[in-house]
Amino acid sequence: MLLDERGTIMSPAKLRRNVDLRPFIPVPNPLAYAALPGLGGPDTPANRGVGIEYVAPSGTRMILSEWPKQNYQLNFISKDLSTTPCVPVIFMHENVAWTSKRGAIMTLIADGSASRGAIEREARRLLARGACTR
């Protein structure tokens, strides 16, 4: 599981005790949850993110990672994502990132092979379901 390389896999109950962020859940029954190191600052529950591995409706395994708003710029291809919330931006050729209306940072990657178009479609599905309101 790619998620295991990104953070520490744990149950939802343990995750709630170790991470302050309450994430957007992409599907009813994700495969796994992980606490992710913060993108800046000390390793505290307030700075940690959440990774969720799941199977998208298309059948592709995906990882949605979310981090709370922190005081830094998030530049992807010389664009600060925080200036245009809810607008997905491509990074690393096919992955997608965006910020929510409340400043949470979200990334979407495939665990395995998936086309850029498939990842973009899944990002649009998540945004339509509320991934931007967090």
N, C-alpha and C. Protein backbone atom coordinates (compact mmCIF):
# COMPACT_ATOMS: atom_id res chain seq x y z
N MET A 1 0.84 -1.17 0.00
CA MET A 1 0.00 0.00 0.00
C MET A 1 0.90 1.24 0.00
N LEU A 2 0.71 2.09 -0.98
CA LEU A 2 1.50 3.32 -1.09
C LEU A 2 1.29 4.24 0.12
N LEU A 3 0.12 4.21 0.69
CA LEU A 3 -0.18 5.07 1.84
C LEU A 3 0.76 4.77 3.00
N ASP A 4 1.16 3.53 3.15
CA ASP A 4 2.07 3.14 4.23
C ASP A 4 3.42 3.83 4.10
N GLU A 5 3.82 4.20 2.89
CA GLU A 5 5.08 4.90 2.68
C GLU A 5 4.97 6.40 2.99
N ARG A 6 3.76 6.92 3.03
CA ARG A 6 3.54 8.35 3.22
C ARG A 6 3.31 8.75 4.67
N GLY A 7 2.83 7.80 5.48
CA GLY A 7 2.51 8.12 6.87
C GLY A 7 2.36 6.87 7.70
N THR A 8 1.69 7.01 8.84
CA THR A 8 1.49 5.90 9.76
C THR A 8 0.04 5.44 9.68
N ILE A 9 -0.16 4.22 9.21
CA ILE A 9 -1.51 3.66 9.08
C ILE A 9 -2.08 3.47 10.49
N MET A 10 -3.36 3.85 10.66
CA MET A 10 -4.02 3.65 11.95
C MET A 10 -5.52 3.63 11.77
N SER A 11 -6.20 3.16 12.79
CA SER A 11 -7.66 3.10 12.75
C SER A 11 -8.22 4.52 12.80
N PRO A 12 -9.47 4.68 12.35
CA PRO A 12 -10.08 6.02 12.44
C PRO A 12 -10.11 6.55 13.88
N ALA A 13 -10.36 5.67 14.87
CA ALA A 13 -10.40 6.12 16.27
C ALA A 13 -9.03 6.62 16.73
N LYS A 14 -7.99 5.90 16.40
CA LYS A 14 -6.64 6.33 16.79
C LYS A 14 -6.26 7.60 16.03
N LEU A 15 -6.67 7.69 14.78
CA LEU A 15 -6.39 8.88 13.98
C LEU A 15 -6.99 10.13 14.64
N ARG A 16 -8.23 10.01 15.13
CA ARG A 16 -8.89 11.15 15.79
C ARG A 16 -8.12 11.60 17.04
N ARG A 17 -7.42 10.67 17.70
CA ARG A 17 -6.64 11.03 18.89
C ARG A 17 -5.29 11.65 18.52
N ASN A 18 -4.80 11.41 17.30
CA ASN A 18 -3.45 11.84 16.92
C ASN A 18 -3.40 12.99 15.91
N VAL A 19 -4.54 13.34 15.34
CA VAL A 19 -4.59 14.39 14.31
C VAL A 19 -5.81 15.27 14.59
N ASP A 20 -5.61 16.58 14.65
CA ASP A 20 -6.73 17.50 14.90
C ASP A 20 -7.64 17.65 13.69
N LEU A 21 -7.09 17.56 12.49
CA LEU A 21 -7.86 17.74 11.26
C LEU A 21 -8.96 16.69 11.14
N ARG A 22 -10.14 17.13 10.78
CA ARG A 22 -11.24 16.22 10.48
C ARG A 22 -11.40 16.22 8.96
N PRO A 23 -10.93 15.16 8.31
CA PRO A 23 -10.83 15.17 6.85
C PRO A 23 -12.14 14.96 6.12
N PHE A 24 -12.11 15.33 4.87
CA PHE A 24 -13.15 14.97 3.93
C PHE A 24 -12.95 13.48 3.62
N ILE A 25 -14.01 12.69 3.71
CA ILE A 25 -13.92 11.25 3.45
C ILE A 25 -14.45 11.00 2.03
N PRO A 26 -13.59 10.49 1.12
CA PRO A 26 -13.96 10.41 -0.30
C PRO A 26 -14.97 9.32 -0.66
N VAL A 27 -15.02 8.24 0.11
CA VAL A 27 -15.97 7.14 -0.13
C VAL A 27 -16.43 6.61 1.23
N PRO A 28 -17.55 5.91 1.29
CA PRO A 28 -18.05 5.43 2.58
C PRO A 28 -17.10 4.50 3.34
N ASN A 29 -16.39 3.64 2.66
CA ASN A 29 -15.53 2.67 3.35
C ASN A 29 -14.13 2.66 2.77
N PRO A 30 -13.28 3.62 3.15
CA PRO A 30 -11.91 3.65 2.63
C PRO A 30 -11.14 2.39 3.02
N LEU A 31 -10.08 2.11 2.26
CA LEU A 31 -9.24 0.95 2.55
C LEU A 31 -8.37 1.19 3.78
N ALA A 32 -7.86 2.41 3.96
CA ALA A 32 -6.96 2.69 5.07
C ALA A 32 -6.87 4.19 5.32
N TYR A 33 -6.51 4.52 6.57
CA TYR A 33 -6.25 5.88 6.99
C TYR A 33 -4.81 5.96 7.51
N ALA A 34 -4.19 7.12 7.35
CA ALA A 34 -2.85 7.31 7.90
C ALA A 34 -2.70 8.74 8.41
N ALA A 35 -1.95 8.88 9.49
CA ALA A 35 -1.52 10.19 9.95
C ALA A 35 -0.29 10.56 9.13
N LEU A 36 -0.28 11.77 8.57
CA LEU A 36 0.82 12.23 7.73
C LEU A 36 1.61 13.31 8.45
N PRO A 37 2.92 13.34 8.27
CA PRO A 37 3.70 14.43 8.87
C PRO A 37 3.20 15.77 8.36
N GLY A 38 3.28 16.78 9.20
CA GLY A 38 2.87 18.11 8.80
C GLY A 38 3.75 18.65 7.68
N LEU A 39 3.24 19.60 6.95
CA LEU A 39 4.01 20.20 5.86
C LEU A 39 4.95 21.30 6.36
N GLY A 40 4.79 21.69 7.59
CA GLY A 40 5.65 22.72 8.17
C GLY A 40 5.41 22.79 9.66
N GLY A 41 6.37 23.30 10.37
CA GLY A 41 6.22 23.43 11.81
C GLY A 41 6.49 22.13 12.54
N PRO A 42 6.27 22.13 13.85
CA PRO A 42 6.56 20.95 14.65
C PRO A 42 5.57 19.81 14.37
N ASP A 43 5.98 18.60 14.71
CA ASP A 43 5.13 17.43 14.51
C ASP A 43 4.13 17.34 15.66
N THR A 44 3.03 18.04 15.48
CA THR A 44 1.98 18.07 16.49
C THR A 44 0.66 17.67 15.84
N PRO A 45 -0.33 17.27 16.64
CA PRO A 45 -1.64 16.94 16.06
C PRO A 45 -2.23 18.08 15.24
N ALA A 46 -1.93 19.32 15.61
CA ALA A 46 -2.48 20.48 14.89
C ALA A 46 -1.87 20.62 13.49
N ASN A 47 -0.66 20.13 13.28
CA ASN A 47 0.02 20.27 11.98
C ASN A 47 -0.08 19.03 11.11
N ARG A 48 -0.39 17.89 11.68
CA ARG A 48 -0.42 16.64 10.91
C ARG A 48 -1.56 16.61 9.91
N GLY A 49 -1.33 15.86 8.85
CA GLY A 49 -2.35 15.65 7.84
C GLY A 49 -2.94 14.25 7.95
N VAL A 50 -3.88 13.98 7.05
CA VAL A 50 -4.54 12.68 6.99
C VAL A 50 -4.47 12.18 5.56
N GLY A 51 -4.06 10.94 5.40
CA GLY A 51 -4.09 10.27 4.10
C GLY A 51 -5.17 9.21 4.12
N ILE A 52 -5.91 9.13 3.04
CA ILE A 52 -6.99 8.14 2.95
C ILE A 52 -6.81 7.39 1.63
N GLU A 53 -6.60 6.09 1.73
CA GLU A 53 -6.51 5.26 0.52
C GLU A 53 -7.88 4.63 0.30
N TYR A 54 -8.32 4.67 -0.95
CA TYR A 54 -9.66 4.18 -1.26
C TYR A 54 -9.73 3.73 -2.71
N VAL A 55 -10.81 3.04 -3.03
CA VAL A 55 -11.07 2.67 -4.42
C VAL A 55 -12.13 3.63 -4.94
N ALA A 56 -11.76 4.37 -5.98
CA ALA A 56 -12.68 5.32 -6.60
C ALA A 56 -13.78 4.55 -7.35
N PRO A 57 -14.90 5.20 -7.63
CA PRO A 57 -15.95 4.54 -8.40
C PRO A 57 -15.47 3.97 -9.74
N SER A 58 -14.40 4.54 -10.28
CA SER A 58 -13.84 4.04 -11.55
C SER A 58 -13.08 2.72 -11.37
N GLY A 59 -12.82 2.34 -10.09
CA GLY A 59 -12.06 1.13 -9.81
C GLY A 59 -10.59 1.37 -9.54
N THR A 60 -10.14 2.62 -9.68
CA THR A 60 -8.75 2.98 -9.46
C THR A 60 -8.49 3.22 -7.97
N ARG A 61 -7.39 2.69 -7.47
CA ARG A 61 -7.00 2.97 -6.09
C ARG A 61 -6.38 4.36 -6.04
N MET A 62 -6.86 5.18 -5.12
CA MET A 62 -6.42 6.57 -4.98
C MET A 62 -6.01 6.86 -3.54
N ILE A 63 -5.18 7.90 -3.40
CA ILE A 63 -4.85 8.41 -2.08
C ILE A 63 -5.17 9.90 -2.06
N LEU A 64 -6.09 10.26 -1.19
CA LEU A 64 -6.40 11.66 -0.94
C LEU A 64 -5.68 12.05 0.33
N SER A 65 -4.81 13.05 0.23
CA SER A 65 -4.08 13.55 1.39
C SER A 65 -4.55 14.96 1.70
N GLU A 66 -4.72 15.25 2.99
CA GLU A 66 -5.23 16.54 3.41
C GLU A 66 -4.40 17.06 4.59
N TRP A 67 -4.10 18.35 4.57
CA TRP A 67 -3.37 19.00 5.65
C TRP A 67 -4.11 20.27 6.04
N PRO A 68 -4.06 20.64 7.32
CA PRO A 68 -4.71 21.89 7.74
C PRO A 68 -3.96 23.11 7.21
N LYS A 69 -4.69 24.22 7.17
CA LYS A 69 -4.07 25.48 6.76
C LYS A 69 -2.94 25.82 7.71
N GLN A 70 -1.82 26.20 7.13
CA GLN A 70 -0.66 26.62 7.91
C GLN A 70 -0.11 27.87 7.24
N ASN A 71 0.83 28.50 7.87
CA ASN A 71 1.34 29.78 7.36
C ASN A 71 2.51 29.59 6.41
N TYR A 72 2.23 29.19 5.20
CA TYR A 72 3.25 29.08 4.16
C TYR A 72 2.55 29.12 2.81
N GLN A 73 3.34 29.38 1.80
CA GLN A 73 2.81 29.34 0.43
C GLN A 73 2.96 27.94 -0.10
N LEU A 74 2.03 27.53 -0.90
CA LEU A 74 2.08 26.22 -1.53
C LEU A 74 2.16 26.45 -3.03
N ASN A 75 3.38 26.52 -3.54
CA ASN A 75 3.57 26.83 -4.95
C ASN A 75 3.69 25.57 -5.79
N PHE A 76 2.85 25.48 -6.78
CA PHE A 76 2.90 24.42 -7.77
C PHE A 76 3.01 25.12 -9.12
N ILE A 77 4.08 24.85 -9.82
CA ILE A 77 4.32 25.47 -11.11
C ILE A 77 4.18 26.99 -10.98
N SER A 78 4.89 27.53 -10.02
CA SER A 78 4.96 28.97 -9.71
C SER A 78 3.60 29.62 -9.46
N LYS A 79 2.65 28.85 -8.93
CA LYS A 79 1.34 29.40 -8.58
C LYS A 79 1.03 29.00 -7.15
N ASP A 80 0.69 29.95 -6.31
CA ASP A 80 0.31 29.67 -4.94
C ASP A 80 -1.13 29.18 -4.94
N LEU A 81 -1.35 27.92 -4.59
CA LEU A 81 -2.68 27.32 -4.62
C LEU A 81 -3.67 28.02 -3.70
N SER A 82 -3.17 28.64 -2.63
CA SER A 82 -4.07 29.27 -1.68
C SER A 82 -4.76 30.51 -2.25
N THR A 83 -4.28 31.04 -3.36
CA THR A 83 -4.90 32.22 -3.95
C THR A 83 -6.13 31.89 -4.79
N THR A 84 -6.30 30.62 -5.17
CA THR A 84 -7.45 30.19 -5.97
C THR A 84 -8.02 28.89 -5.40
N PRO A 85 -8.73 28.96 -4.28
CA PRO A 85 -9.29 27.74 -3.69
C PRO A 85 -10.18 26.99 -4.67
N CYS A 86 -10.19 25.68 -4.52
CA CYS A 86 -11.09 24.79 -5.26
C CYS A 86 -10.74 24.65 -6.73
N VAL A 87 -9.54 25.09 -7.11
CA VAL A 87 -9.10 24.96 -8.50
C VAL A 87 -7.97 23.93 -8.53
N PRO A 88 -8.22 22.75 -9.08
CA PRO A 88 -7.17 21.72 -9.12
C PRO A 88 -6.02 22.13 -10.05
N VAL A 89 -4.81 21.80 -9.60
CA VAL A 89 -3.60 22.08 -10.36
C VAL A 89 -2.82 20.78 -10.49
N ILE A 90 -2.29 20.52 -11.66
CA ILE A 90 -1.49 19.32 -11.90
C ILE A 90 -0.09 19.50 -11.32
N PHE A 91 0.41 18.46 -10.66
CA PHE A 91 1.81 18.45 -10.23
C PHE A 91 2.39 17.06 -10.47
N MET A 92 3.68 17.02 -10.65
CA MET A 92 4.39 15.77 -10.94
C MET A 92 3.74 15.00 -12.10
N HIS A 93 3.41 15.70 -13.15
CA HIS A 93 2.88 15.18 -14.42
C HIS A 93 1.42 14.76 -14.42
N GLU A 94 0.95 14.03 -13.38
CA GLU A 94 -0.45 13.62 -13.44
C GLU A 94 -1.22 13.77 -12.13
N ASN A 95 -0.54 14.07 -11.04
CA ASN A 95 -1.23 14.21 -9.76
C ASN A 95 -1.92 15.57 -9.67
N VAL A 96 -2.84 15.69 -8.73
CA VAL A 96 -3.65 16.90 -8.62
C VAL A 96 -3.59 17.44 -7.20
N ALA A 97 -3.56 18.77 -7.07
CA ALA A 97 -3.59 19.42 -5.76
C ALA A 97 -4.54 20.61 -5.82
N TRP A 98 -5.11 20.96 -4.67
CA TRP A 98 -5.94 22.15 -4.56
C TRP A 98 -6.02 22.55 -3.09
N THR A 99 -6.52 23.73 -2.84
CA THR A 99 -6.81 24.15 -1.47
C THR A 99 -8.31 24.30 -1.34
N SER A 100 -8.79 24.11 -0.11
CA SER A 100 -10.22 24.25 0.14
C SER A 100 -10.53 25.71 0.47
N LYS A 101 -11.79 26.01 0.60
CA LYS A 101 -12.21 27.36 0.95
C LYS A 101 -11.70 27.78 2.31
N ARG A 102 -11.44 26.82 3.20
CA ARG A 102 -10.92 27.11 4.54
C ARG A 102 -9.41 26.99 4.61
N GLY A 103 -8.76 26.75 3.47
CA GLY A 103 -7.30 26.73 3.43
C GLY A 103 -6.64 25.38 3.59
N ALA A 104 -7.42 24.31 3.72
CA ALA A 104 -6.82 22.97 3.78
C ALA A 104 -6.14 22.67 2.45
N ILE A 105 -5.04 21.95 2.52
CA ILE A 105 -4.31 21.56 1.31
C ILE A 105 -4.64 20.12 1.01
N MET A 106 -4.99 19.83 -0.22
CA MET A 106 -5.38 18.47 -0.60
C MET A 106 -4.61 18.04 -1.84
N THR A 107 -4.17 16.80 -1.83
CA THR A 107 -3.53 16.22 -3.01
C THR A 107 -4.20 14.89 -3.32
N LEU A 108 -4.22 14.55 -4.58
CA LEU A 108 -4.81 13.30 -5.04
C LEU A 108 -3.82 12.61 -5.95
N ILE A 109 -3.46 11.38 -5.60
CA ILE A 109 -2.56 10.59 -6.43
C ILE A 109 -3.14 9.19 -6.57
N ALA A 110 -2.72 8.49 -7.59
CA ALA A 110 -3.14 7.10 -7.78
C ALA A 110 -2.15 6.18 -7.10
N ASP A 111 -2.66 5.10 -6.52
CA ASP A 111 -1.79 4.03 -6.01
C ASP A 111 -1.77 2.97 -7.09
N GLY A 112 -0.80 3.10 -7.96
CA GLY A 112 -0.73 2.25 -9.14
C GLY A 112 -0.85 3.11 -10.37
N SER A 113 -1.12 2.49 -11.47
CA SER A 113 -1.19 3.26 -12.71
C SER A 113 -2.59 3.82 -12.94
N ALA A 114 -2.60 5.06 -13.33
CA ALA A 114 -3.85 5.74 -13.72
C ALA A 114 -3.46 6.90 -14.61
N SER A 115 -4.29 7.18 -15.56
CA SER A 115 -4.01 8.29 -16.45
C SER A 115 -4.25 9.62 -15.75
N ARG A 116 -3.64 10.64 -16.28
CA ARG A 116 -3.85 11.99 -15.76
C ARG A 116 -5.34 12.34 -15.83
N GLY A 117 -5.98 11.95 -16.92
CA GLY A 117 -7.41 12.22 -17.07
C GLY A 117 -8.25 11.54 -16.00
N ALA A 118 -7.89 10.31 -15.63
CA ALA A 118 -8.63 9.59 -14.59
C ALA A 118 -8.48 10.28 -13.24
N ILE A 119 -7.28 10.76 -12.95
CA ILE A 119 -7.05 11.46 -11.69
C ILE A 119 -7.79 12.79 -11.69
N GLU A 120 -7.77 13.50 -12.80
CA GLU A 120 -8.50 14.77 -12.88
C GLU A 120 -10.00 14.55 -12.73
N ARG A 121 -10.54 13.50 -13.34
CA ARG A 121 -11.98 13.20 -13.21
C ARG A 121 -12.33 12.90 -11.75
N GLU A 122 -11.46 12.14 -11.07
CA GLU A 122 -11.72 11.83 -9.67
C GLU A 122 -11.64 13.10 -8.82
N ALA A 123 -10.71 13.98 -9.11
CA ALA A 123 -10.62 15.25 -8.38
C ALA A 123 -11.91 16.05 -8.57
N ARG A 124 -12.42 16.12 -9.78
CA ARG A 124 -13.68 16.84 -10.03
C ARG A 124 -14.84 16.20 -9.27
N ARG A 125 -14.85 14.87 -9.20
CA ARG A 125 -15.91 14.17 -8.46
C ARG A 125 -15.84 14.54 -6.98
N LEU A 126 -14.62 14.55 -6.43
CA LEU A 126 -14.46 14.89 -5.01
C LEU A 126 -14.88 16.34 -4.74
N LEU A 127 -14.48 17.24 -5.61
CA LEU A 127 -14.86 18.64 -5.45
C LEU A 127 -16.37 18.81 -5.51
N ALA A 128 -17.03 18.09 -6.41
CA ALA A 128 -18.49 18.17 -6.52
C ALA A 128 -19.18 17.61 -5.29
N ARG A 129 -18.53 16.68 -4.59
CA ARG A 129 -19.09 16.07 -3.40
C ARG A 129 -18.76 16.83 -2.11
N GLY A 130 -17.98 17.91 -2.21
CA GLY A 130 -17.73 18.72 -1.02
C GLY A 130 -16.30 18.80 -0.56
N ALA A 131 -15.35 18.30 -1.34
CA ALA A 131 -13.94 18.33 -0.92
C ALA A 131 -13.38 19.75 -0.87
N CYS A 132 -14.13 20.70 -1.30
CA CYS A 132 -13.64 22.08 -1.27
C CYS A 132 -14.15 22.86 -0.06
N THR A 133 -15.11 22.35 0.63
CA THR A 133 -15.70 23.10 1.74
C THR A 133 -14.97 22.91 3.06
N ARG A 134 -14.04 22.00 3.13
CA ARG A 134 -13.28 21.71 4.36
C ARG A 134 -12.35 22.82 4.70
